[in-house]
């Protein structure tokens, strides 16, 4: 099994946590968006969206984060030799989907210094143009990514670009705060894949120096955050450095 990911990609973190929680061995391939590795022709042919993570098991390739996590759950159950291949409950899946609906891109970008962000954006555009020249058969897909990069730059010029994402995040965290007043973990008294989806969101807020505003102000989430950081999966697979916009 192969995982193409990057340490600071939110969805990559989710998949890696799931793999560690379930004890699944895999081969790790770092694909760094900052250096344009996700635009290399070999990766681009496998995944024209250029997004990470990508999970590959033989000829089976999965791009969607929740689908990858559910696949990992099934692998874990099969490895135990159980006839019951039930995975996450409906409640767990609903939480997973609810958390996935919050997109971190612009919320993250507005908290990165403009000089750094603009430098990286310009570099990535040059990488895309170079790859387009090297692989003419992929020119159409590369052109789509180039247009996306320019659209992102244009949106970043709008002063309220992250306001909607911020409001969405606040609503989500308020719902989670209320839930954690009733249960130890997000979907009950046991750790589930819903928690796997949430932990990287909290880690992103800490990374952006927003812990006090979003976590510390919510006592149940603050207690939960202290608790989940003690899990072996978190300790083993977290701090490696890299891109934080995905």
Protein backbone atom coordinates (compact mmCIF):
# COMPACT_ATOMS: atom_id res chain seq x y z
CA UNK A 1 0.00 0.00 0.00
CA UNK A 2 1.28 3.43 -0.99
CA UNK A 3 0.36 6.81 0.45
CA UNK A 4 1.25 9.99 -1.43
CA UNK A 5 0.99 12.83 1.07
CA UNK A 6 2.61 15.76 2.79
CA UNK A 7 3.00 16.24 6.56
CA UNK A 8 1.16 19.57 6.78
CA UNK A 9 -1.65 18.74 4.37
CA UNK A 10 -4.81 18.57 6.49
CA UNK A 11 -6.28 15.61 4.62
CA UNK A 12 -2.92 13.84 4.57
CA UNK A 13 -2.77 14.14 8.35
CA UNK A 14 -6.22 12.60 8.64
CA UNK A 15 -5.30 9.58 6.54
CA UNK A 16 -2.00 9.08 8.34
CA UNK A 17 -3.74 9.19 11.72
CA UNK A 18 -6.25 6.61 10.51
CA UNK A 19 -3.46 4.32 9.29
CA UNK A 20 -1.64 4.61 12.62
CA UNK A 21 -4.80 4.09 14.68
CA UNK A 22 -5.58 0.93 12.71
CA UNK A 23 -1.99 -0.33 12.68
CA UNK A 24 -1.77 -0.53 8.88
CA UNK A 25 1.69 -0.61 7.30
CA UNK A 26 2.21 1.50 4.19
CA UNK A 27 4.93 3.01 2.07
CA UNK A 28 5.17 6.78 2.49
CA UNK A 29 5.79 9.09 -0.48
CA UNK A 30 6.18 12.79 0.32
CA UNK A 31 4.65 15.02 -2.34
CA UNK A 32 5.46 18.63 -1.48
CA UNK A 33 3.13 21.24 -3.04
CA UNK A 34 5.52 24.03 -2.07
CA UNK A 35 8.20 22.66 -4.43
CA UNK A 36 5.62 21.67 -7.04
CA UNK A 37 6.12 17.92 -6.61
CA UNK A 38 2.38 17.43 -6.96
CA UNK A 39 2.74 18.90 -10.46
CA UNK A 40 5.37 16.40 -11.62
CA UNK A 41 4.09 14.50 -14.64
CA UNK A 42 4.25 11.09 -12.94
CA UNK A 43 1.99 12.19 -10.09
CA UNK A 44 -0.17 14.35 -12.34
CA UNK A 45 -0.93 11.40 -14.63
CA UNK A 46 -2.14 9.43 -11.62
CA UNK A 47 -4.12 12.33 -10.17
CA UNK A 48 -4.84 15.29 -12.50
CA UNK A 49 -6.39 17.24 -9.63
CA UNK A 50 -2.85 17.35 -8.15
CA UNK A 51 -4.39 17.13 -4.70
CA UNK A 52 -3.08 15.04 -1.83
CA UNK A 53 -3.39 12.55 -0.29
CA UNK A 54 -3.62 9.71 -2.79
CA UNK A 55 -3.87 6.13 -1.53
CA UNK A 56 -2.89 3.23 -3.75
CA UNK A 57 -3.33 -0.48 -3.09
CA UNK A 58 -2.28 -2.35 -6.21
CA UNK A 59 -4.38 -1.03 -9.07
CA UNK A 60 -6.89 0.49 -6.67
CA UNK A 61 -6.36 4.26 -6.31
CA UNK A 62 -8.43 6.49 -4.00
CA UNK A 63 -8.38 10.30 -3.89
CA UNK A 64 -11.23 11.17 -1.51
CA UNK A 65 -10.12 11.44 2.12
CA UNK A 66 -13.21 9.93 3.74
CA UNK A 67 -13.22 7.09 1.20
CA UNK A 68 -9.56 6.39 2.01
CA UNK A 69 -10.29 6.28 5.74
CA UNK A 70 -13.23 3.94 5.26
CA UNK A 71 -11.07 1.72 3.05
CA UNK A 72 -8.42 1.66 5.79
CA UNK A 73 -11.10 0.62 8.29
CA UNK A 74 -12.15 -2.28 6.06
CA UNK A 75 -8.54 -3.42 5.64
CA UNK A 76 -8.10 -3.39 9.42
CA UNK A 77 -11.25 -5.45 9.96
CA UNK A 78 -10.30 -7.99 7.29
CA UNK A 79 -6.82 -8.34 8.82
CA UNK A 80 -8.49 -9.28 12.12
CA UNK A 81 -10.28 -12.10 10.34
CA UNK A 82 -13.70 -10.90 11.41
CA UNK A 83 -16.83 -11.70 9.44
CA UNK A 84 -18.32 -8.40 10.54
CA UNK A 85 -17.07 -5.75 8.13
CA UNK A 86 -19.17 -2.94 9.61
CA UNK A 87 -17.08 0.20 9.76
CA UNK A 88 -17.98 3.60 11.11
CA UNK A 89 -21.53 4.17 12.34
CA UNK A 90 -23.85 6.62 10.64
CA UNK A 91 -23.20 9.16 13.43
CA UNK A 92 -19.45 8.90 12.91
CA UNK A 93 -19.79 9.33 9.14
CA UNK A 94 -22.07 12.35 9.60
CA UNK A 95 -19.44 14.01 11.81
CA UNK A 96 -16.71 13.13 9.31
CA UNK A 97 -18.66 14.75 6.49
CA UNK A 98 -19.55 17.78 8.58
CA UNK A 99 -15.90 18.41 9.46
CA UNK A 100 -14.79 17.82 5.85
CA UNK A 101 -17.18 20.53 4.68
CA UNK A 102 -14.98 23.19 6.29
CA UNK A 103 -12.29 24.15 3.77
CA UNK A 104 -9.04 25.50 5.28
CA UNK A 105 -7.46 27.02 2.17
CA UNK A 106 -8.28 30.73 2.37
CA UNK A 107 -8.54 30.75 6.17
CA UNK A 108 -4.96 29.46 6.25
CA UNK A 109 -3.65 31.72 3.50
CA UNK A 110 -4.80 34.93 5.18
CA UNK A 111 -2.71 33.98 8.22
CA UNK A 112 0.46 33.51 6.19
CA UNK A 113 2.70 36.56 5.53
CA UNK A 114 1.91 38.07 2.12
CA UNK A 115 5.54 38.09 1.04
CA UNK A 116 5.91 34.35 1.60
CA UNK A 117 2.56 33.50 0.05
CA UNK A 118 3.21 35.57 -3.08
CA UNK A 119 6.68 34.07 -3.52
CA UNK A 120 5.33 30.52 -3.34
CA UNK A 121 2.44 31.33 -5.67
CA UNK A 122 4.77 32.80 -8.29
CA UNK A 123 7.10 29.80 -8.02
CA UNK A 124 4.25 27.31 -8.42
CA UNK A 125 3.00 29.09 -11.53
CA UNK A 126 6.49 28.81 -13.05
CA UNK A 127 6.58 25.11 -12.19
CA UNK A 128 3.22 24.51 -13.88
CA UNK A 129 4.31 26.32 -17.05
CA UNK A 130 7.56 24.30 -17.14
CA UNK A 131 5.70 21.00 -16.69
CA UNK A 132 3.25 22.01 -19.42
CA UNK A 133 6.14 22.42 -21.86
CA UNK A 134 7.68 19.08 -20.81
CA UNK A 135 4.42 17.10 -21.16
CA UNK A 136 2.31 18.50 -24.01
CA UNK A 137 -0.23 15.69 -23.65
CA UNK A 138 -1.10 17.06 -20.20
CA UNK A 139 -1.22 20.70 -21.31
CA UNK A 140 -4.98 20.99 -20.87
CA UNK A 141 -4.91 19.71 -17.29
CA UNK A 142 -1.88 21.86 -16.44
CA UNK A 143 -3.59 24.91 -17.92
CA UNK A 144 -6.55 24.26 -15.62
CA UNK A 145 -4.22 24.26 -12.60
CA UNK A 146 -2.56 27.46 -13.80
CA UNK A 147 -5.95 29.15 -14.09
CA UNK A 148 -6.79 27.93 -10.58
CA UNK A 149 -3.56 29.46 -9.24
CA UNK A 150 -4.37 32.84 -10.79
CA UNK A 151 -7.94 32.68 -9.46
CA UNK A 152 -6.59 32.03 -5.96
CA UNK A 153 -4.32 35.08 -6.25
CA UNK A 154 -7.25 37.23 -7.37
CA UNK A 155 -9.46 36.04 -4.51
CA UNK A 156 -6.74 36.79 -1.98
CA UNK A 157 -6.99 40.46 -2.92
CA UNK A 158 -10.50 40.61 -1.49
CA UNK A 159 -10.42 41.86 2.12
CA UNK A 160 -13.21 39.57 3.31
CA UNK A 161 -12.05 36.41 1.50
CA UNK A 162 -11.74 34.33 4.68
CA UNK A 163 -14.77 35.69 6.54
CA UNK A 164 -17.13 32.98 5.33
CA UNK A 165 -14.63 30.25 6.17
CA UNK A 166 -14.12 31.79 9.61
CA UNK A 167 -17.85 31.89 10.31
CA UNK A 168 -18.16 28.28 9.14
CA UNK A 169 -15.32 27.25 11.45
CA UNK A 170 -16.87 29.02 14.45
CA UNK A 171 -20.20 27.26 13.88
CA UNK A 172 -18.44 23.93 13.57
CA UNK A 173 -16.39 24.40 16.74
CA UNK A 174 -19.46 25.56 18.66
CA UNK A 175 -21.29 22.37 17.63
CA UNK A 176 -18.28 20.30 18.65
CA UNK A 177 -18.05 22.13 22.00
CA UNK A 178 -21.68 21.25 22.70
CA UNK A 179 -21.14 17.61 21.72
CA UNK A 180 -18.06 17.28 23.93
CA UNK A 181 -20.15 18.46 26.86
CA UNK A 182 -22.02 15.16 26.50
CA UNK A 183 -19.33 12.68 25.43
CA UNK A 184 -15.58 12.20 25.86
CA UNK A 185 -14.98 11.93 22.13
CA UNK A 186 -16.79 13.36 19.15
CA UNK A 187 -19.14 10.45 18.47
CA UNK A 188 -19.33 8.87 21.90
CA UNK A 189 -17.12 7.51 24.66
CA UNK A 190 -14.70 5.81 22.27
CA UNK A 191 -12.19 7.32 19.83
CA UNK A 192 -13.43 7.01 16.24
CA UNK A 193 -12.62 8.15 12.74
CA UNK A 194 -14.65 11.30 13.46
CA UNK A 195 -11.88 12.28 15.87
CA UNK A 196 -9.32 11.49 13.18
CA UNK A 197 -11.03 14.08 10.98
CA UNK A 198 -11.11 16.70 13.74
CA UNK A 199 -7.62 16.50 15.24
CA UNK A 200 -5.82 18.06 12.22
CA UNK A 201 -8.24 21.03 12.32
CA UNK A 202 -7.21 21.76 15.91
CA UNK A 203 -3.55 21.23 15.04
CA UNK A 204 -3.89 23.72 12.17
CA UNK A 205 -5.27 26.35 14.56
CA UNK A 206 -2.33 25.81 16.90
CA UNK A 207 0.10 26.07 13.99
CA UNK A 208 -1.42 29.40 12.99
CA UNK A 209 -1.10 30.69 16.57
CA UNK A 210 -4.87 30.76 16.94
CA UNK A 211 -5.14 28.25 19.78
CA UNK A 212 -6.33 30.71 22.44
CA UNK A 213 -9.00 32.25 20.23
CA UNK A 214 -10.52 29.05 18.91
CA UNK A 215 -9.54 26.27 21.34
CA UNK A 216 -8.74 27.91 24.68
CA UNK A 217 -12.03 29.81 24.61
CA UNK A 218 -13.94 26.51 24.47
CA UNK A 219 -13.20 24.49 27.64
CA UNK A 220 -14.52 21.16 26.37
CA UNK A 221 -12.47 21.37 23.17
CA UNK A 222 -9.43 22.49 25.18
CA UNK A 223 -9.72 19.43 27.43
CA UNK A 224 -10.30 17.19 24.43
CA UNK A 225 -7.25 18.65 22.63
CA UNK A 226 -5.03 17.87 25.63
CA UNK A 227 -6.41 14.32 25.69
CA UNK A 228 -5.97 13.43 22.02
CA UNK A 229 -2.40 14.73 21.88
CA UNK A 230 -1.46 11.85 24.17
CA UNK A 231 -2.48 9.21 21.68
CA UNK A 232 0.44 7.25 20.15
CA UNK A 233 -0.87 7.92 16.63
CA UNK A 234 -0.61 11.66 17.19
CA UNK A 235 2.83 11.51 18.80
CA UNK A 236 4.25 9.23 16.11
CA UNK A 237 3.08 10.92 12.94
CA UNK A 238 2.70 14.62 13.51
CA UNK A 239 5.51 17.17 13.49
CA UNK A 240 7.50 16.89 10.30
CA UNK A 241 7.15 20.33 8.70
CA UNK A 242 5.96 21.39 5.27
CA UNK A 243 3.06 22.98 3.43
CA UNK A 244 0.05 24.03 5.49
CA UNK A 245 -2.40 25.34 2.93
CA UNK A 246 -4.08 22.11 1.83
